[in-house]
Amino acid sequence: MKKWMMIVMLCCGVLMGCSEKTYEPREIVSETDVCKICNMSIVHNAYAGQIALKNGDYEIFDDIGCLMEYIKANGEDEIGAAYIKDAAKNEWIDVFKAVYVYNKDYWTPMNYGVVALDSKEAAQEWMTTEGEGQLLAYKDLHDFKWGIHK
């Protein structure tokens, strides 16, 4: 009986070790969190972003442009997950799956003018109420000119 119990426990341990690690967004603490790139306090949580690294650390950003600057400098290999706030719902969404809208007149903390939404339909609705913009996918952000847009 002990032998079977040991085999079952060993199998469970192996299966748990083989399971894929999940990454969840953490809450932003405005009093202490600062952007990894520009060192600004995260006072406008509705535009915040974060990267959960595979080693368990989190990098926090005040704007999607800062998050993309980090990815450009460090690559994606160590990223477990990346999140950005949905501009319409103020909920965390996957950076890689989000739909982005750019308009130089959209206000964002670093004045990049790019907001994230969870679907193309939500992006279309956003542009109807907030002003026309340019639809972008995650892959488009790599070539986007991230300078301050005035």
C-alpha atoms as a PDB file:
ATOM      1  CA  MET A   1       0.000   0.000   0.000  1.00  0.00           C
ATOM      2  CA  LYS A   2       2.834   2.398   0.843  1.00  0.00           C
ATOM      3  CA  LYS A   3       4.420   1.625  -2.513  1.00  0.00           C
ATOM      4  CA  TRP A   4       1.233   2.582  -4.419  1.00  0.00           C
ATOM      5  CA  MET A   5       0.781   5.718  -2.342  1.00  0.00           C
ATOM      6  CA  MET A   6       4.358   6.741  -3.119  1.00  0.00           C
ATOM      7  CA  ILE A   7       3.839   6.102  -6.855  1.00  0.00           C
ATOM      8  CA  VAL A   8       0.637   8.182  -6.895  1.00  0.00           C
ATOM      9  CA  MET A   9       2.348  11.053  -5.043  1.00  0.00           C
ATOM     10  CA  LEU A  10       5.318  10.912  -7.400  1.00  0.00           C
ATOM     11  CA  CYS A  11       3.039  10.994 -10.447  1.00  0.00           C
ATOM     12  CA  CYS A  12       1.135  13.971  -9.029  1.00  0.00           C
ATOM     13  CA  GLY A  13       4.395  15.783  -8.384  1.00  0.00           C
ATOM     14  CA  VAL A  14       5.606  15.152 -11.924  1.00  0.00           C
ATOM     15  CA  LEU A  15       2.308  16.320 -13.419  1.00  0.00           C
ATOM     16  CA  MET A  16       2.312  19.483 -11.311  1.00  0.00           C
ATOM     17  CA  GLY A  17       5.876  20.220 -12.364  1.00  0.00           C
ATOM     18  CA  CYS A  18       4.930  19.853 -16.012  1.00  0.00           C
ATOM     19  CA  SER A  19       1.937  22.158 -15.851  1.00  0.00           C
ATOM     20  CA  GLU A  20       2.268  25.545 -17.476  1.00  0.00           C
ATOM     21  CA  LYS A  21       2.776  28.449 -15.092  1.00  0.00           C
ATOM     22  CA  THR A  22       0.016  31.043 -15.095  1.00  0.00           C
ATOM     23  CA  TYR A  23       0.607  34.748 -14.680  1.00  0.00           C
ATOM     24  CA  GLU A  24      -1.916  37.178 -13.291  1.00  0.00           C
ATOM     25  CA  PRO A  25      -1.825  40.986 -13.288  1.00  0.00           C
ATOM     26  CA  ARG A  26      -1.171  42.570  -9.941  1.00  0.00           C
ATOM     27  CA  GLU A  27      -2.822  45.670  -8.569  1.00  0.00           C
ATOM     28  CA  ILE A  28      -1.058  48.976  -9.102  1.00  0.00           C
ATOM     29  CA  VAL A  29      -0.119  50.849  -5.929  1.00  0.00           C
ATOM     30  CA  SER A  30      -0.053  54.531  -6.906  1.00  0.00           C
ATOM     31  CA  GLU A  31       1.830  55.530  -3.771  1.00  0.00           C
ATOM     32  CA  THR A  32       4.843  53.312  -4.528  1.00  0.00           C
ATOM     33  CA  ASP A  33       4.755  52.040  -8.134  1.00  0.00           C
ATOM     34  CA  VAL A  34       6.795  53.935 -10.706  1.00  0.00           C
ATOM     35  CA  CYS A  35       7.262  53.353 -14.405  1.00  0.00           C
ATOM     36  CA  LYS A  36      10.290  51.196 -15.199  1.00  0.00           C
ATOM     37  CA  ILE A  37      11.192  53.421 -18.183  1.00  0.00           C
ATOM     38  CA  CYS A  38      10.383  57.031 -17.293  1.00  0.00           C
ATOM     39  CA  ASN A  39      10.308  56.753 -13.466  1.00  0.00           C
ATOM     40  CA  MET A  40       6.993  58.594 -13.254  1.00  0.00           C
ATOM     41  CA  SER A  41       4.506  57.621 -10.561  1.00  0.00           C
ATOM     42  CA  ILE A  42       1.550  55.564 -11.742  1.00  0.00           C
ATOM     43  CA  VAL A  43      -1.169  58.075 -10.944  1.00  0.00           C
ATOM     44  CA  HIS A  44      -3.360  57.382 -13.980  1.00  0.00           C
ATOM     45  CA  ASN A  45      -4.063  53.687 -13.441  1.00  0.00           C
ATOM     46  CA  ALA A  46      -6.430  53.608 -16.419  1.00  0.00           C
ATOM     47  CA  TYR A  47      -3.394  53.747 -18.745  1.00  0.00           C
ATOM     48  CA  ALA A  48      -1.048  51.499 -16.758  1.00  0.00           C
ATOM     49  CA  GLY A  49       0.701  48.443 -18.090  1.00  0.00           C
ATOM     50  CA  GLN A  50       2.695  45.628 -16.548  1.00  0.00           C
ATOM     51  CA  ILE A  51       4.860  42.716 -17.503  1.00  0.00           C
ATOM     52  CA  ALA A  52       4.958  39.548 -15.410  1.00  0.00           C
ATOM     53  CA  LEU A  53       8.405  38.073 -15.943  1.00  0.00           C
ATOM     54  CA  LYS A  54       8.974  34.323 -15.930  1.00  0.00           C
ATOM     55  CA  ASN A  55      11.119  34.695 -12.792  1.00  0.00           C
ATOM     56  CA  GLY A  56       8.107  36.070 -10.876  1.00  0.00           C
ATOM     57  CA  ASP A  57       9.084  39.754 -10.948  1.00  0.00           C
ATOM     58  CA  TYR A  58       6.807  42.466 -12.319  1.00  0.00           C
ATOM     59  CA  GLU A  59       7.755  45.543 -14.314  1.00  0.00           C
ATOM     60  CA  ILE A  60       5.243  48.399 -14.169  1.00  0.00           C
ATOM     61  CA  PHE A  61       4.628  51.129 -16.757  1.00  0.00           C
ATOM     62  CA  ASP A  62       2.553  54.307 -16.879  1.00  0.00           C
ATOM     63  CA  ASP A  63       1.822  54.152 -20.624  1.00  0.00           C
ATOM     64  CA  ILE A  64       1.832  51.562 -23.429  1.00  0.00           C
ATOM     65  CA  GLY A  65       4.718  53.414 -25.096  1.00  0.00           C
ATOM     66  CA  CYS A  66       6.962  52.831 -22.071  1.00  0.00           C
ATOM     67  CA  LEU A  67       5.970  49.162 -21.961  1.00  0.00           C
ATOM     68  CA  MET A  68       6.869  48.807 -25.654  1.00  0.00           C
ATOM     69  CA  GLU A  69      10.202  50.563 -25.092  1.00  0.00           C
ATOM     70  CA  TYR A  70      10.992  47.955 -22.428  1.00  0.00           C
ATOM     71  CA  ILE A  71      10.084  45.102 -24.799  1.00  0.00           C
ATOM     72  CA  LYS A  72      12.174  46.630 -27.587  1.00  0.00           C
ATOM     73  CA  ALA A  73      15.194  46.858 -25.271  1.00  0.00           C
ATOM     74  CA  ASN A  74      14.773  43.472 -23.547  1.00  0.00           C
ATOM     75  CA  GLY A  75      12.895  41.240 -25.988  1.00  0.00           C
ATOM     76  CA  GLU A  76      10.022  38.898 -25.193  1.00  0.00           C
ATOM     77  CA  ASP A  77      11.908  35.769 -24.092  1.00  0.00           C
ATOM     78  CA  GLU A  78      11.587  36.395 -20.338  1.00  0.00           C
ATOM     79  CA  ILE A  79       7.995  37.643 -20.467  1.00  0.00           C
ATOM     80  CA  GLY A  80       5.442  35.330 -18.880  1.00  0.00           C
ATOM     81  CA  ALA A  81       2.548  37.696 -19.617  1.00  0.00           C
ATOM     82  CA  ALA A  82       1.975  41.370 -20.343  1.00  0.00           C
ATOM     83  CA  TYR A  83      -1.093  43.420 -19.497  1.00  0.00           C
ATOM     84  CA  ILE A  84      -2.452  46.851 -20.320  1.00  0.00           C
ATOM     85  CA  LYS A  85      -5.600  48.566 -19.078  1.00  0.00           C
ATOM     86  CA  ASP A  86      -8.564  48.547 -21.443  1.00  0.00           C
ATOM     87  CA  ALA A  87      -9.366  52.222 -22.073  1.00  0.00           C
ATOM     88  CA  ALA A  88     -13.135  51.648 -22.062  1.00  0.00           C
ATOM     89  CA  LYS A  89     -13.482  49.138 -19.220  1.00  0.00           C
ATOM     90  CA  ASN A  90     -10.438  49.912 -17.041  1.00  0.00           C
ATOM     91  CA  GLU A  91      -9.721  46.159 -16.818  1.00  0.00           C
ATOM     92  CA  TRP A  92      -6.472  44.316 -17.489  1.00  0.00           C
ATOM     93  CA  ILE A  93      -6.208  42.833 -20.986  1.00  0.00           C
ATOM     94  CA  ASP A  94      -3.459  40.894 -22.750  1.00  0.00           C
ATOM     95  CA  VAL A  95      -0.997  43.251 -24.482  1.00  0.00           C
ATOM     96  CA  PHE A  96      -0.414  40.757 -27.286  1.00  0.00           C
ATOM     97  CA  LYS A  97      -4.139  40.340 -28.073  1.00  0.00           C
ATOM     98  CA  ALA A  98      -5.350  43.912 -27.527  1.00  0.00           C
ATOM     99  CA  VAL A  99      -6.448  46.249 -30.296  1.00  0.00           C
ATOM    100  CA  TYR A 100      -4.872  49.693 -30.180  1.00  0.00           C
ATOM    101  CA  VAL A 101      -6.074  53.060 -31.413  1.00  0.00           C
ATOM    102  CA  TYR A 102      -3.813  56.031 -32.068  1.00  0.00           C
ATOM    103  CA  ASN A 103      -4.878  59.642 -32.314  1.00  0.00           C
ATOM    104  CA  LYS A 104      -2.477  62.473 -31.561  1.00  0.00           C
ATOM    105  CA  ASP A 105      -5.290  64.204 -29.669  1.00  0.00           C
ATOM    106  CA  TYR A 106      -5.982  61.311 -27.260  1.00  0.00           C
ATOM    107  CA  TRP A 107      -4.574  62.141 -23.854  1.00  0.00           C
ATOM    108  CA  THR A 108      -2.262  59.535 -22.288  1.00  0.00           C
ATOM    109  CA  PRO A 109       0.254  59.978 -19.437  1.00  0.00           C
ATOM    110  CA  MET A 110       3.264  60.245 -21.773  1.00  0.00           C
ATOM    111  CA  ASN A 111       1.270  61.925 -24.563  1.00  0.00           C
ATOM    112  CA  TYR A 112       1.781  59.004 -26.958  1.00  0.00           C
ATOM    113  CA  GLY A 113      -1.909  59.031 -27.921  1.00  0.00           C
ATOM    114  CA  VAL A 114      -2.294  55.238 -28.000  1.00  0.00           C
ATOM    115  CA  VAL A 115      -5.052  53.464 -26.079  1.00  0.00           C
ATOM    116  CA  ALA A 116      -5.782  49.736 -25.783  1.00  0.00           C
ATOM    117  CA  LEU A 117      -9.123  47.983 -26.119  1.00  0.00           C
ATOM    118  CA  ASP A 118     -10.161  44.345 -25.954  1.00  0.00           C
ATOM    119  CA  SER A 119     -11.674  44.054 -29.455  1.00  0.00           C
ATOM    120  CA  LYS A 120     -11.940  45.723 -32.835  1.00  0.00           C
ATOM    121  CA  GLU A 121     -15.605  46.446 -32.111  1.00  0.00           C
ATOM    122  CA  ALA A 122     -14.676  48.208 -28.867  1.00  0.00           C
ATOM    123  CA  ALA A 123     -12.010  50.184 -30.735  1.00  0.00           C
ATOM    124  CA  GLN A 124     -14.565  51.275 -33.363  1.00  0.00           C
ATOM    125  CA  GLU A 125     -16.945  52.364 -30.613  1.00  0.00           C
ATOM    126  CA  TRP A 126     -14.124  54.246 -28.865  1.00  0.00           C
ATOM    127  CA  MET A 127     -13.324  56.144 -32.070  1.00  0.00           C
ATOM    128  CA  THR A 128     -16.993  57.015 -32.523  1.00  0.00           C
ATOM    129  CA  THR A 129     -17.173  58.686 -29.108  1.00  0.00           C
ATOM    130  CA  GLU A 130     -13.595  59.938 -28.588  1.00  0.00           C
ATOM    131  CA  GLY A 131     -12.557  60.935 -32.106  1.00  0.00           C
ATOM    132  CA  GLU A 132     -11.311  59.033 -35.127  1.00  0.00           C
ATOM    133  CA  GLY A 133      -8.022  57.224 -34.841  1.00  0.00           C
ATOM    134  CA  GLN A 134      -5.774  54.715 -36.488  1.00  0.00           C
ATOM    135  CA  LEU A 135      -6.323  51.034 -35.621  1.00  0.00           C
ATOM    136  CA  LEU A 136      -3.156  49.175 -34.640  1.00  0.00           C
ATOM    137  CA  ALA A 137      -2.370  45.590 -33.681  1.00  0.00           C
ATOM    138  CA  TYR A 138       0.402  44.572 -31.282  1.00  0.00           C
ATOM    139  CA  LYS A 139       2.789  43.888 -34.185  1.00  0.00           C
ATOM    140  CA  ASP A 140       2.252  47.481 -35.409  1.00  0.00           C
ATOM    141  CA  LEU A 141       3.507  48.864 -32.097  1.00  0.00           C
ATOM    142  CA  HIS A 142       7.040  47.619 -32.819  1.00  0.00           C
ATOM    143  CA  ASP A 143       7.399  50.050 -35.739  1.00  0.00           C
ATOM    144  CA  PHE A 144       5.295  52.854 -34.242  1.00  0.00           C
ATOM    145  CA  LYS A 145       7.067  56.199 -33.794  1.00  0.00           C
ATOM    146  CA  TRP A 146       6.781  56.596 -30.014  1.00  0.00           C
ATOM    147  CA  GLY A 147       7.860  60.225 -29.774  1.00  0.00           C
ATOM    148  CA  ILE A 148       5.577  62.654 -28.022  1.00  0.00           C
ATOM    149  CA  HIS A 149       2.775  63.477 -30.451  1.00  0.00           C
ATOM    150  CA  LYS A 150       1.567  67.058 -30.460  1.00  0.00           C
END
